[in-house]
Full PDB file with SEQRES, HELIX, SHEET, SSBOND, CRYST1, ORIGX, SCALE, CONECT and MASTER records, all heavy atoms in Angstrom:
SEQRES   1 A   34  ALA GLU VAL ALA GLY TRP ILE THR PRO MET PRO GLY GLY          
SEQRES   2 A   34  THR GLY PRO MET THR ILE ALA CYS LEU LEU GLU ASN THR          
SEQRES   3 A   34  LEU THR ALA ALA THR LEU GLN GLY                              
HELIX    1 AA1 THR A   14  LEU A   32  1                                  19    
CRYST1    1.000    1.000    1.000  90.00  90.00  90.00 P 1           1          
ORIGX1      1.000000  0.000000  0.000000        0.00000                         
ORIGX2      0.000000  1.000000  0.000000        0.00000                         
ORIGX3      0.000000  0.000000  1.000000        0.00000                         
SCALE1      1.000000  0.000000  0.000000        0.00000                         
SCALE2      0.000000  1.000000  0.000000        0.00000                         
SCALE3      0.000000  0.000000  1.000000        0.00000                         
ATOM      1  N   ALA A   1     -45.735  66.688 -22.511  1.00  0.00           N  
ATOM      2  CA  ALA A   1     -46.123  65.269 -22.410  1.00  0.00           C  
ATOM      3  C   ALA A   1     -46.398  64.652 -23.777  1.00  0.00           C  
ATOM      4  O   ALA A   1     -46.298  63.425 -23.949  1.00  0.00           O  
ATOM      5  CB  ALA A   1     -47.353  65.125 -21.519  1.00  0.00           C  
ATOM      6  N   GLU A   2     -46.708  65.477 -24.769  1.00  0.00           N  
ATOM      7  CA  GLU A   2     -46.954  64.966 -26.130  1.00  0.00           C  
ATOM      8  C   GLU A   2     -45.656  64.587 -26.839  1.00  0.00           C  
ATOM      9  O   GLU A   2     -45.673  63.871 -27.834  1.00  0.00           O  
ATOM     10  CB  GLU A   2     -47.705  66.025 -26.954  1.00  0.00           C  
ATOM     11  CG  GLU A   2     -49.096  66.358 -26.428  1.00  0.00           C  
ATOM     12  CD  GLU A   2     -50.018  65.149 -26.395  1.00  0.00           C  
ATOM     13  OE1 GLU A   2     -50.047  64.403 -27.388  1.00  0.00           O  
ATOM     14  OE2 GLU A   2     -50.693  64.947 -25.362  1.00  0.00           O  
ATOM     15  N   VAL A   3     -44.537  65.110 -26.337  1.00  0.00           N  
ATOM     16  CA  VAL A   3     -43.237  64.911 -26.997  1.00  0.00           C  
ATOM     17  C   VAL A   3     -42.337  63.965 -26.199  1.00  0.00           C  
ATOM     18  O   VAL A   3     -41.634  63.125 -26.759  1.00  0.00           O  
ATOM     19  CB  VAL A   3     -42.509  66.278 -27.162  1.00  0.00           C  
ATOM     20  CG1 VAL A   3     -41.186  66.106 -27.905  1.00  0.00           C  
ATOM     21  CG2 VAL A   3     -43.400  67.283 -27.856  1.00  0.00           C  
ATOM     22  N   ALA A   4     -42.376  64.122 -24.873  1.00  0.00           N  
ATOM     23  CA  ALA A   4     -41.436  63.400 -23.996  1.00  0.00           C  
ATOM     24  C   ALA A   4     -41.757  61.902 -23.932  1.00  0.00           C  
ATOM     25  O   ALA A   4     -42.868  61.470 -24.254  1.00  0.00           O  
ATOM     26  CB  ALA A   4     -41.490  64.003 -22.597  1.00  0.00           C  
ATOM     27  N   GLY A   5     -40.753  61.127 -23.490  1.00  0.00           N  
ATOM     28  CA  GLY A   5     -40.966  59.700 -23.247  1.00  0.00           C  
ATOM     29  C   GLY A   5     -41.467  59.451 -21.831  1.00  0.00           C  
ATOM     30  O   GLY A   5     -42.248  58.530 -21.580  1.00  0.00           O  
ATOM     31  N   TRP A   6     -40.977  60.267 -20.886  1.00  0.00           N  
ATOM     32  CA  TRP A   6     -41.383  60.195 -19.484  1.00  0.00           C  
ATOM     33  C   TRP A   6     -41.578  61.610 -18.988  1.00  0.00           C  
ATOM     34  O   TRP A   6     -40.864  62.530 -19.414  1.00  0.00           O  
ATOM     35  CB  TRP A   6     -40.301  59.553 -18.609  1.00  0.00           C  
ATOM     36  CG  TRP A   6     -39.947  58.137 -18.883  1.00  0.00           C  
ATOM     37  CD1 TRP A   6     -40.430  57.014 -18.250  1.00  0.00           C  
ATOM     38  CD2 TRP A   6     -38.963  57.659 -19.816  1.00  0.00           C  
ATOM     39  NE1 TRP A   6     -39.827  55.881 -18.744  1.00  0.00           N  
ATOM     40  CE2 TRP A   6     -38.925  56.244 -19.705  1.00  0.00           C  
ATOM     41  CE3 TRP A   6     -38.120  58.275 -20.748  1.00  0.00           C  
ATOM     42  CZ2 TRP A   6     -38.075  55.452 -20.477  1.00  0.00           C  
ATOM     43  CZ3 TRP A   6     -37.275  57.492 -21.516  1.00  0.00           C  
ATOM     44  CH2 TRP A   6     -37.265  56.098 -21.381  1.00  0.00           C  
ATOM     45  N   ILE A   7     -42.493  61.804 -18.055  1.00  0.00           N  
ATOM     46  CA  ILE A   7     -42.686  63.142 -17.487  1.00  0.00           C  
ATOM     47  C   ILE A   7     -43.204  63.024 -16.054  1.00  0.00           C  
ATOM     48  O   ILE A   7     -43.926  62.073 -15.725  1.00  0.00           O  
ATOM     49  CB  ILE A   7     -43.651  63.984 -18.356  1.00  0.00           C  
ATOM     50  CG1 ILE A   7     -43.532  65.476 -18.019  1.00  0.00           C  
ATOM     51  CG2 ILE A   7     -45.098  63.489 -18.228  1.00  0.00           C  
ATOM     52  CD1 ILE A   7     -44.101  66.385 -19.092  1.00  0.00           C  
ATOM     53  N   THR A   8     -42.799  63.971 -15.205  1.00  0.00           N  
ATOM     54  CA  THR A   8     -43.365  64.009 -13.848  1.00  0.00           C  
ATOM     55  C   THR A   8     -44.541  64.976 -13.835  1.00  0.00           C  
ATOM     56  O   THR A   8     -44.455  66.058 -14.411  1.00  0.00           O  
ATOM     57  CB  THR A   8     -42.330  64.490 -12.806  1.00  0.00           C  
ATOM     58  OG1 THR A   8     -41.819  65.767 -13.204  1.00  0.00           O  
ATOM     59  CG2 THR A   8     -41.191  63.508 -12.656  1.00  0.00           C  
ATOM     60  N   PRO A   9     -45.634  64.603 -13.179  1.00  0.00           N  
ATOM     61  CA  PRO A   9     -46.754  65.532 -13.064  1.00  0.00           C  
ATOM     62  C   PRO A   9     -46.434  66.614 -12.030  1.00  0.00           C  
ATOM     63  O   PRO A   9     -45.502  66.493 -11.252  1.00  0.00           O  
ATOM     64  CB  PRO A   9     -47.901  64.644 -12.580  1.00  0.00           C  
ATOM     65  CG  PRO A   9     -47.220  63.544 -11.814  1.00  0.00           C  
ATOM     66  CD  PRO A   9     -45.898  63.327 -12.483  1.00  0.00           C  
ATOM     67  N   MET A  10     -47.222  67.670 -12.044  1.00  0.00           N  
ATOM     68  CA  MET A  10     -47.088  68.724 -11.035  1.00  0.00           C  
ATOM     69  C   MET A  10     -48.495  69.168 -10.661  1.00  0.00           C  
ATOM     70  O   MET A  10     -49.189  69.707 -11.516  1.00  0.00           O  
ATOM     71  CB  MET A  10     -46.272  69.887 -11.605  1.00  0.00           C  
ATOM     72  CG  MET A  10     -46.270  71.142 -10.743  1.00  0.00           C  
ATOM     73  SD  MET A  10     -45.498  70.963  -9.144  1.00  0.00           S  
ATOM     74  CE  MET A  10     -43.774  71.138  -9.570  1.00  0.00           C  
ATOM     75  N   PRO A  11     -48.956  68.912  -9.441  1.00  0.00           N  
ATOM     76  CA  PRO A  11     -48.247  68.216  -8.342  1.00  0.00           C  
ATOM     77  C   PRO A  11     -48.288  66.692  -8.521  1.00  0.00           C  
ATOM     78  O   PRO A  11     -48.881  66.204  -9.471  1.00  0.00           O  
ATOM     79  CB  PRO A  11     -49.076  68.638  -7.122  1.00  0.00           C  
ATOM     80  CG  PRO A  11     -50.464  68.814  -7.655  1.00  0.00           C  
ATOM     81  CD  PRO A  11     -50.314  69.344  -9.057  1.00  0.00           C  
ATOM     82  N   GLY A  12     -47.643  65.991  -7.585  1.00  0.00           N  
ATOM     83  CA  GLY A  12     -47.690  64.533  -7.582  1.00  0.00           C  
ATOM     84  C   GLY A  12     -46.479  63.865  -8.210  1.00  0.00           C  
ATOM     85  O   GLY A  12     -46.465  62.647  -8.410  1.00  0.00           O  
ATOM     86  N   GLY A  13     -45.435  64.652  -8.509  1.00  0.00           N  
ATOM     87  CA  GLY A  13     -44.224  64.094  -9.095  1.00  0.00           C  
ATOM     88  C   GLY A  13     -43.079  64.062  -8.091  1.00  0.00           C  
ATOM     89  O   GLY A  13     -42.974  63.162  -7.267  1.00  0.00           O  
ATOM     90  N   THR A  14     -42.233  65.103  -8.141  1.00  0.00           N  
ATOM     91  CA  THR A  14     -41.040  65.113  -7.277  1.00  0.00           C  
ATOM     92  C   THR A  14     -41.370  65.499  -5.833  1.00  0.00           C  
ATOM     93  O   THR A  14     -40.634  65.128  -4.923  1.00  0.00           O  
ATOM     94  CB  THR A  14     -39.974  66.076  -7.832  1.00  0.00           C  
ATOM     95  OG1 THR A  14     -40.523  67.385  -7.966  1.00  0.00           O  
ATOM     96  CG2 THR A  14     -39.486  65.608  -9.199  1.00  0.00           C  
ATOM     97  N   GLY A  15     -42.485  66.231  -5.602  1.00  0.00           N  
ATOM     98  CA  GLY A  15     -42.832  66.664  -4.236  1.00  0.00           C  
ATOM     99  C   GLY A  15     -42.987  65.520  -3.251  1.00  0.00           C  
ATOM    100  O   GLY A  15     -42.310  65.486  -2.206  1.00  0.00           O  
ATOM    101  N   PRO A  16     -43.849  64.533  -3.546  1.00  0.00           N  
ATOM    102  CA  PRO A  16     -44.015  63.402  -2.624  1.00  0.00           C  
ATOM    103  C   PRO A  16     -42.713  62.621  -2.416  1.00  0.00           C  
ATOM    104  O   PRO A  16     -42.476  62.065  -1.342  1.00  0.00           O  
ATOM    105  CB  PRO A  16     -45.053  62.512  -3.327  1.00  0.00           C  
ATOM    106  CG  PRO A  16     -45.710  63.372  -4.340  1.00  0.00           C  
ATOM    107  CD  PRO A  16     -44.745  64.449  -4.703  1.00  0.00           C  
ATOM    108  N   MET A  17     -41.840  62.603  -3.435  1.00  0.00           N  
ATOM    109  CA  MET A  17     -40.588  61.856  -3.333  1.00  0.00           C  
ATOM    110  C   MET A  17     -39.637  62.483  -2.317  1.00  0.00           C  
ATOM    111  O   MET A  17     -38.808  61.796  -1.726  1.00  0.00           O  
ATOM    112  CB  MET A  17     -39.903  61.799  -4.709  1.00  0.00           C  
ATOM    113  CG  MET A  17     -40.645  60.956  -5.716  1.00  0.00           C  
ATOM    114  SD  MET A  17     -40.928  59.277  -5.108  1.00  0.00           S  
ATOM    115  CE  MET A  17     -39.241  58.753  -4.843  1.00  0.00           C  
ATOM    116  N   THR A  18     -39.764  63.800  -2.124  1.00  0.00           N  
ATOM    117  CA  THR A  18     -38.906  64.480  -1.151  1.00  0.00           C  
ATOM    118  C   THR A  18     -39.175  63.929   0.251  1.00  0.00           C  
ATOM    119  O   THR A  18     -38.244  63.660   1.020  1.00  0.00           O  
ATOM    120  CB  THR A  18     -39.146  65.997  -1.212  1.00  0.00           C  
ATOM    121  OG1 THR A  18     -38.804  66.451  -2.531  1.00  0.00           O  
ATOM    122  CG2 THR A  18     -38.311  66.745  -0.212  1.00  0.00           C  
ATOM    123  N   ILE A  19     -40.457  63.714   0.580  1.00  0.00           N  
ATOM    124  CA  ILE A  19     -40.801  63.168   1.901  1.00  0.00           C  
ATOM    125  C   ILE A  19     -40.374  61.702   2.004  1.00  0.00           C  
ATOM    126  O   ILE A  19     -39.832  61.267   3.019  1.00  0.00           O  
ATOM    127  CB  ILE A  19     -42.306  63.350   2.185  1.00  0.00           C  
ATOM    128  CG1 ILE A  19     -42.596  64.842   2.404  1.00  0.00           C  
ATOM    129  CG2 ILE A  19     -42.744  62.531   3.403  1.00  0.00           C  
ATOM    130  CD1 ILE A  19     -44.015  65.178   2.777  1.00  0.00           C  
ATOM    131  N   ALA A  20     -40.580  60.927   0.920  1.00  0.00           N  
ATOM    132  CA  ALA A  20     -40.166  59.511   0.928  1.00  0.00           C  
ATOM    133  C   ALA A  20     -38.667  59.398   1.206  1.00  0.00           C  
ATOM    134  O   ALA A  20     -38.226  58.558   2.003  1.00  0.00           O  
ATOM    135  CB  ALA A  20     -40.504  58.852  -0.409  1.00  0.00           C  
ATOM    136  N   CYS A  21     -37.885  60.259   0.549  1.00  0.00           N  
ATOM    137  CA  CYS A  21     -36.429  60.170   0.688  1.00  0.00           C  
ATOM    138  C   CYS A  21     -35.940  60.747   2.011  1.00  0.00           C  
ATOM    139  O   CYS A  21     -34.889  60.347   2.510  1.00  0.00           O  
ATOM    140  CB  CYS A  21     -35.740  60.825  -0.506  1.00  0.00           C  
ATOM    141  SG  CYS A  21     -35.995  59.845  -2.001  1.00  0.00           S  
ATOM    142  N   LEU A  22     -36.715  61.653   2.613  1.00  0.00           N  
ATOM    143  CA  LEU A  22     -36.403  62.101   3.976  1.00  0.00           C  
ATOM    144  C   LEU A  22     -36.462  60.910   4.935  1.00  0.00           C  
ATOM    145  O   LEU A  22     -35.576  60.727   5.783  1.00  0.00           O  
ATOM    146  CB  LEU A  22     -37.408  63.169   4.410  1.00  0.00           C  
ATOM    147  CG  LEU A  22     -37.376  63.541   5.898  1.00  0.00           C  
ATOM    148  CD1 LEU A  22     -36.094  64.278   6.238  1.00  0.00           C  
ATOM    149  CD2 LEU A  22     -38.590  64.375   6.271  1.00  0.00           C  
ATOM    150  N   LEU A  23     -37.484  60.073   4.777  1.00  0.00           N  
ATOM    151  CA  LEU A  23     -37.629  58.908   5.657  1.00  0.00           C  
ATOM    152  C   LEU A  23     -36.580  57.843   5.325  1.00  0.00           C  
ATOM    153  O   LEU A  23     -36.031  57.207   6.228  1.00  0.00           O  
ATOM    154  CB  LEU A  23     -39.051  58.349   5.545  1.00  0.00           C  
ATOM    155  CG  LEU A  23     -40.137  59.359   5.945  1.00  0.00           C  
ATOM    156  CD1 LEU A  23     -41.519  58.780   5.729  1.00  0.00           C  
ATOM    157  CD2 LEU A  23     -39.975  59.819   7.393  1.00  0.00           C  
ATOM    158  N   GLU A  24     -36.294  57.683   4.040  1.00  0.00           N  
ATOM    159  CA  GLU A  24     -35.210  56.761   3.648  1.00  0.00           C  
ATOM    160  C   GLU A  24     -33.889  57.222   4.277  1.00  0.00           C  
ATOM    161  O   GLU A  24     -33.118  56.417   4.804  1.00  0.00           O  
ATOM    162  CB  GLU A  24     -35.099  56.741   2.116  1.00  0.00           C  
ATOM    163  CG  GLU A  24     -34.087  55.737   1.588  1.00  0.00           C  
ATOM    164  CD  GLU A  24     -33.948  55.787   0.074  1.00  0.00           C  
ATOM    165  OE1 GLU A  24     -34.981  55.827  -0.632  1.00  0.00           O  
ATOM    166  OE2 GLU A  24     -32.794  55.789  -0.400  1.00  0.00           O  
ATOM    167  N   ASN A  25     -33.646  58.542   4.219  1.00  0.00           N  
ATOM    168  CA  ASN A  25     -32.439  59.101   4.827  1.00  0.00           C  
ATOM    169  C   ASN A  25     -32.402  58.883   6.337  1.00  0.00           C  
ATOM    170  O   ASN A  25     -31.333  58.683   6.920  1.00  0.00           O  
ATOM    171  CB  ASN A  25     -32.346  60.604   4.540  1.00  0.00           C  
ATOM    172  CG  ASN A  25     -31.644  60.910   3.225  1.00  0.00           C  
ATOM    173  OD1 ASN A  25     -31.067  60.026   2.603  1.00  0.00           O  
ATOM    174  ND2 ASN A  25     -31.695  62.158   2.796  1.00  0.00           N  
ATOM    175  N   THR A  26     -33.577  58.941   6.986  1.00  0.00           N  
ATOM    176  CA  THR A  26     -33.620  58.748   8.440  1.00  0.00           C  
ATOM    177  C   THR A  26     -33.180  57.339   8.799  1.00  0.00           C  
ATOM    178  O   THR A  26     -32.431  57.128   9.767  1.00  0.00           O  
ATOM    179  CB  THR A  26     -35.031  59.053   8.989  1.00  0.00           C  
ATOM    180  OG1 THR A  26     -35.394  60.397   8.614  1.00  0.00           O  
ATOM    181  CG2 THR A  26     -35.079  58.944  10.500  1.00  0.00           C  
ATOM    182  N   LEU A  27     -33.595  56.363   8.008  1.00  0.00           N  
ATOM    183  CA  LEU A  27     -33.164  54.984   8.260  1.00  0.00           C  
ATOM    184  C   LEU A  27     -31.675  54.821   7.944  1.00  0.00           C  
ATOM    185  O   LEU A  27     -30.947  54.149   8.686  1.00  0.00           O  
ATOM    186  CB  LEU A  27     -34.003  53.996   7.438  1.00  0.00           C  
ATOM    187  CG  LEU A  27     -33.882  52.531   7.876  1.00  0.00           C  
ATOM    188  CD1 LEU A  27     -34.287  52.347   9.334  1.00  0.00           C  
ATOM    189  CD2 LEU A  27     -34.717  51.614   6.988  1.00  0.00           C  
ATOM    190  N   THR A  28     -31.228  55.468   6.863  1.00  0.00           N  
ATOM    191  CA  THR A  28     -29.788  55.447   6.540  1.00  0.00           C  
ATOM    192  C   THR A  28     -28.988  56.081   7.677  1.00  0.00           C  
ATOM    193  O   THR A  28     -27.920  55.582   8.062  1.00  0.00           O  
ATOM    194  CB  THR A  28     -29.517  56.209   5.221  1.00  0.00           C  
ATOM    195  OG1 THR A  28     -30.291  55.624   4.180  1.00  0.00           O  
ATOM    196  CG2 THR A  28     -28.044  56.175   4.844  1.00  0.00           C  
ATOM    197  N   ALA A  29     -29.508  57.177   8.231  1.00  0.00           N  
ATOM    198  CA  ALA A  29     -28.830  57.869   9.345  1.00  0.00           C  
ATOM    199  C   ALA A  29     -28.697  56.950  10.551  1.00  0.00           C  
ATOM    200  O   ALA A  29     -27.632  56.866  11.178  1.00  0.00           O  
ATOM    201  CB  ALA A  29     -29.607  59.133   9.722  1.00  0.00           C  
ATOM    202  N   ALA A  30     -29.778  56.238  10.867  1.00  0.00           N  
ATOM    203  CA  ALA A  30     -29.741  55.301  11.999  1.00  0.00           C  
ATOM    204  C   ALA A  30     -28.711  54.208  11.744  1.00  0.00           C  
ATOM    205  O   ALA A  30     -27.999  53.772  12.666  1.00  0.00           O  
ATOM    206  CB  ALA A  30     -31.123  54.693  12.220  1.00  0.00           C  
ATOM    207  N   THR A  31     -28.594  53.779  10.487  1.00  0.00           N  
ATOM    208  CA  THR A  31     -27.602  52.754  10.116  1.00  0.00           C  
ATOM    209  C   THR A  31     -26.190  53.301  10.284  1.00  0.00           C  
ATOM    210  O   THR A  31     -25.306  52.627  10.838  1.00  0.00           O  
ATOM    211  CB  THR A  31     -27.835  52.295   8.666  1.00  0.00           C  
ATOM    212  OG1 THR A  31     -29.199  51.907   8.511  1.00  0.00           O  
ATOM    213  CG2 THR A  31     -26.954  51.116   8.304  1.00  0.00           C  
ATOM    214  N   LEU A  32     -25.952  54.553   9.825  1.00  0.00           N  
ATOM    215  CA  LEU A  32     -24.631  55.183   9.955  1.00  0.00           C  
ATOM    216  C   LEU A  32     -24.238  55.319  11.431  1.00  0.00           C  
ATOM    217  O   LEU A  32     -23.056  55.274  11.784  1.00  0.00           O  
ATOM    218  CB  LEU A  32     -24.641  56.568   9.312  1.00  0.00           C  
ATOM    219  CG  LEU A  32     -24.686  56.640   7.775  1.00  0.00           C  
ATOM    220  CD1 LEU A  32     -24.913  58.081   7.320  1.00  0.00           C  
ATOM    221  CD2 LEU A  32     -23.414  56.086   7.157  1.00  0.00           C  
ATOM    222  N   GLN A  33     -25.253  55.492  12.308  1.00  0.00           N  
ATOM    223  CA  GLN A  33     -24.994  55.646  13.750  1.00  0.00           C  
ATOM    224  C   GLN A  33     -24.943  54.304  14.488  1.00  0.00           C  
ATOM    225  O   GLN A  33     -24.779  54.280  15.704  1.00  0.00           O  
ATOM    226  CB  GLN A  33     -26.097  56.537  14.366  1.00  0.00           C  
ATOM    227  CG  GLN A  33     -26.026  57.995  13.884  1.00  0.00           C  
ATOM    228  CD  GLN A  33     -27.342  58.718  14.075  1.00  0.00           C  
ATOM    229  OE1 GLN A  33     -27.829  58.848  15.202  1.00  0.00           O  
ATOM    230  NE2 GLN A  33     -27.946  59.205  12.993  1.00  0.00           N  
ATOM    231  N   GLY A  34     -25.116  53.212  13.745  1.00  0.00           N  
ATOM    232  CA  GLY A  34     -25.066  51.892  14.378  1.00  0.00           C  
ATOM    233  C   GLY A  34     -26.324  51.531  15.137  1.00  0.00           C  
ATOM    234  O   GLY A  34     -26.337  50.598  15.944  1.00  0.00           O  
TER     235      GLY A  34                                                      
MASTER        0    0    0    1    0    0    0    6  234    1    0    3          
END                                                                             
């Protein structure tokens, strides 16, 4: 974090996004199914 411009924390970075995108995918799935 002292060197990088952006960084994800652990925990609280990519983990919560996995659940968010599961739900985003569920809505996309419903759209694909009409």
